[in-house]
Amino acid sequence: MNLPSTIKFPDTFNRSPSAGFDGVFDWSWTQGCFGETKIKPMDFDGVVERNGNFILFETKQPGVPIPQGQRITLVQAHSLGCFTVMVIYGKEKPEKFEMWYPGAKNTHDGHGLEAARERVSSWYAWANKNPRKTVDVSILNKRITQLIDESEFLKFRISEAKALIDQAVNLLTLSAPLPVAPVDDCPF
């Protein structure tokens, strides 16, 4: 298979495609789209949603660290409060894993396939019993619109006030007596 240059480890990629793998997409067209950064699209190896709760799976070979950009993404997703993150070490089956639970700062570490299955089953049971309420943003959108309207009105009123101040300064300048230079050697 001809892989794009964005695949850093082609042999590893070919040996362990992500869940639901349906082909390779070349993301190199996004280079330069994210300003002067090194940002590149990344993937999650697996994602499951249940009742508005998500579990993200990321797999790595044992001893391979999560790249900084991917770690930042996983941490930010976790901080939203609806993502459980499971980092699995072992590409064919879990040898070791860590789970980050929503709202928790500490992680749960585990070893082996059965422990990983138990953690995922527990997550599923929890997600079934704890549906997330959706956020109604319509009230927020209305308030934002009101604030934008108020801001425009205030900008208009400020420009009116500035025009009045400019007129007052002009009138004061015209009606003020002309300054007289002091004379040091006045004859009288």
Protein backbone atom coordinates (compact mmCIF):
# COMPACT_ATOMS: atom_id res chain seq x y z
CA MET A 1 0.00 0.00 0.00
CA ASN A 2 1.33 3.45 -0.92
CA LEU A 3 1.15 5.51 2.29
CA PRO A 4 1.32 9.31 2.53
CA SER A 5 4.33 10.98 4.13
CA THR A 6 2.18 11.91 7.15
CA ILE A 7 2.39 8.27 8.35
CA LYS A 8 5.50 8.32 10.56
CA PHE A 9 5.87 4.54 11.06
CA PRO A 10 4.51 2.77 7.96
CA ASP A 11 5.42 -0.78 9.05
CA THR A 12 3.67 -0.36 12.40
CA PHE A 13 0.72 1.31 10.68
CA ASN A 14 0.28 -1.60 8.27
CA ARG A 15 0.47 -4.16 11.10
CA SER A 16 -2.14 -2.50 13.32
CA PRO A 17 -4.82 -0.42 11.60
CA SER A 18 -7.28 1.43 13.83
CA ALA A 19 -10.75 0.08 14.65
CA GLY A 20 -13.05 0.31 11.62
CA PHE A 21 -10.10 1.07 9.32
CA ASP A 22 -11.43 1.96 5.88
CA GLY A 23 -8.36 3.23 4.08
CA VAL A 24 -5.65 5.83 4.21
CA PHE A 25 -6.27 9.53 3.86
CA ASP A 26 -3.41 11.87 3.03
CA TRP A 27 -3.63 14.86 5.38
CA SER A 28 -0.61 16.66 3.95
CA TRP A 29 -2.96 19.14 2.23
CA THR A 30 -3.55 20.72 5.67
CA GLN A 31 0.09 21.83 6.02
CA GLY A 32 0.11 25.60 6.51
CA CYS A 33 -3.57 25.75 7.48
CA PHE A 34 -2.79 26.12 11.19
CA GLY A 35 -0.60 29.21 11.08
CA GLU A 36 3.06 28.97 12.00
CA THR A 37 2.53 25.87 14.19
CA LYS A 38 3.52 22.23 13.80
CA ILE A 39 -0.12 21.13 14.16
CA LYS A 40 -1.11 18.09 12.10
CA PRO A 41 -4.35 16.10 12.15
CA MET A 42 -4.24 13.00 14.34
CA ASP A 43 -6.58 10.14 15.00
CA PHE A 44 -7.96 8.22 17.91
CA ASP A 45 -7.62 4.48 17.56
CA GLY A 46 -11.16 3.98 18.78
CA VAL A 47 -14.10 6.00 20.11
CA VAL A 48 -17.39 4.80 21.61
CA GLU A 49 -20.31 7.03 22.64
CA ARG A 50 -23.00 5.97 25.09
CA ASN A 51 -25.68 8.36 26.34
CA GLY A 52 -23.50 11.41 25.70
CA ASN A 53 -20.46 9.83 27.40
CA PHE A 54 -17.39 8.95 25.34
CA ILE A 55 -14.50 6.59 25.76
CA LEU A 56 -11.42 7.30 23.63
CA PHE A 57 -8.93 4.54 22.96
CA GLU A 58 -5.34 5.26 22.02
CA THR A 59 -2.94 2.38 21.47
CA LYS A 60 0.83 2.48 21.61
CA GLN A 61 3.58 -0.11 21.52
CA PRO A 62 4.94 -0.70 25.02
CA GLY A 63 7.55 1.94 25.80
CA VAL A 64 6.35 4.32 23.06
CA PRO A 65 5.28 7.66 24.55
CA ILE A 66 2.25 9.61 23.39
CA PRO A 67 3.47 12.49 21.19
CA GLN A 68 3.04 15.90 22.82
CA GLY A 69 0.38 17.17 20.39
CA GLN A 70 -1.68 14.02 20.79
CA ARG A 71 -1.30 14.15 24.59
CA ILE A 72 -2.53 17.77 24.57
CA THR A 73 -5.58 16.71 22.53
CA LEU A 74 -6.37 13.80 24.85
CA VAL A 75 -5.96 15.97 27.97
CA GLN A 76 -8.22 18.68 26.50
CA ALA A 77 -10.89 16.12 25.53
CA HIS A 78 -10.69 14.63 29.04
CA SER A 79 -11.06 18.07 30.62
CA LEU A 80 -14.46 18.52 28.93
CA GLY A 81 -15.92 16.08 31.46
CA CYS A 82 -17.57 13.69 29.02
CA PHE A 83 -14.50 11.78 27.80
CA THR A 84 -12.88 8.81 29.48
CA VAL A 85 -9.47 8.18 27.92
CA MET A 86 -7.94 4.70 27.80
CA VAL A 87 -4.32 4.53 26.68
CA ILE A 88 -3.47 0.93 25.84
CA TYR A 89 0.12 -0.32 25.57
CA GLY A 90 0.26 -3.36 23.32
CA LYS A 91 -0.86 -3.36 19.72
CA GLU A 92 -2.40 -6.83 19.53
CA LYS A 93 -3.96 -6.96 22.99
CA PRO A 94 -3.68 -4.82 26.11
CA GLU A 95 -0.52 -5.59 28.04
CA LYS A 96 -0.85 -2.51 30.22
CA PHE A 97 -3.25 0.43 30.22
CA GLU A 98 -4.17 3.65 31.95
CA MET A 99 -7.63 5.20 32.20
CA TRP A 100 -8.43 8.84 32.82
CA TYR A 101 -11.95 9.25 34.19
CA PRO A 102 -14.00 12.42 33.70
CA GLY A 103 -13.65 14.77 36.64
CA ALA A 104 -10.80 12.76 38.17
CA LYS A 105 -7.22 13.98 38.28
CA ASN A 106 -5.68 10.60 38.99
CA THR A 107 -5.56 7.67 36.59
CA HIS A 108 -6.31 3.98 36.96
CA ASP A 109 -3.50 1.73 35.80
CA GLY A 110 -4.09 -1.86 34.86
CA HIS A 111 -2.42 -4.86 33.29
CA GLY A 112 -3.66 -7.48 30.87
CA LEU A 113 -6.59 -8.20 28.62
CA GLU A 114 -9.07 -9.25 31.32
CA ALA A 115 -8.43 -6.15 33.44
CA ALA A 116 -8.90 -3.94 30.35
CA ARG A 117 -12.15 -5.73 29.46
CA GLU A 118 -13.40 -5.26 33.03
CA ARG A 119 -12.62 -1.51 32.95
CA VAL A 120 -14.38 -1.01 29.60
CA SER A 121 -17.40 -3.05 30.78
CA SER A 122 -17.53 -0.94 33.94
CA TRP A 123 -17.38 2.24 31.86
CA TYR A 124 -20.29 0.99 29.73
CA ALA A 125 -22.42 0.15 32.79
CA TRP A 126 -21.66 3.60 34.24
CA ALA A 127 -22.47 5.35 30.94
CA ASN A 128 -25.80 3.47 30.76
CA LYS A 129 -26.76 4.72 34.23
CA ASN A 130 -25.44 8.27 33.79
CA PRO A 131 -26.77 9.84 30.60
CA ARG A 132 -25.35 13.29 30.02
CA LYS A 133 -27.82 16.09 29.73
CA THR A 134 -27.42 18.08 26.57
CA VAL A 135 -26.70 21.75 26.94
CA ASP A 136 -29.35 24.09 25.57
CA VAL A 137 -27.25 26.84 24.02
CA SER A 138 -30.21 28.75 22.56
CA ILE A 139 -30.37 30.97 25.68
CA LEU A 140 -26.65 31.66 25.39
CA ASN A 141 -26.98 32.46 21.69
CA LYS A 142 -29.83 34.91 22.41
CA ARG A 143 -27.77 36.63 25.11
CA ILE A 144 -24.74 36.87 22.80
CA THR A 145 -26.94 38.49 20.15
CA GLN A 146 -28.27 40.94 22.77
CA LEU A 147 -24.74 41.81 23.88
CA ILE A 148 -23.65 42.39 20.28
CA ASP A 149 -26.65 44.70 19.74
CA GLU A 150 -25.90 46.55 23.00
CA SER A 151 -22.26 46.86 22.01
CA GLU A 152 -23.19 48.39 18.64
CA PHE A 153 -25.60 50.81 20.36
CA LEU A 154 -22.90 51.82 22.87
CA LYS A 155 -20.36 52.36 20.06
CA PHE A 156 -22.88 54.66 18.35
CA ARG A 157 -23.56 56.58 21.58
CA ILE A 158 -19.81 56.94 22.25
CA SER A 159 -19.23 58.33 18.75
CA GLU A 160 -22.11 60.81 19.32
CA ALA A 161 -20.57 61.87 22.65
CA LYS A 162 -17.16 62.29 21.00
CA ALA A 163 -18.71 64.51 18.32
CA LEU A 164 -20.34 66.69 21.01
CA ILE A 165 -17.04 66.96 22.89
CA ASP A 166 -15.25 67.95 19.68
CA GLN A 167 -17.87 70.66 19.05
CA ALA A 168 -17.51 71.98 22.61
CA VAL A 169 -13.72 72.09 22.32
CA ASN A 170 -14.03 74.01 19.02
CA LEU A 171 -16.47 76.52 20.55
CA LEU A 172 -14.24 77.04 23.58
CA THR A 173 -11.20 77.50 21.36
CA LEU A 174 -12.98 80.13 19.22
CA SER A 175 -14.46 82.11 22.14
CA ALA A 176 -11.36 82.11 24.32
CA PRO A 177 -9.27 85.29 24.34
CA LEU A 178 -6.16 85.13 22.28
CA PRO A 179 -3.12 84.48 24.35
CA VAL A 180 -0.89 87.49 24.83
CA ALA A 181 2.80 86.94 25.00
CA PRO A 182 4.34 88.29 28.19
CA VAL A 183 6.38 91.42 27.76
CA ASP A 184 9.45 91.73 29.91
CA ASP A 185 10.37 95.34 29.26
CA CYS A 186 7.04 97.15 29.46
CA PRO A 187 7.63 100.96 29.27
CA PHE A 188 4.77 101.99 31.57
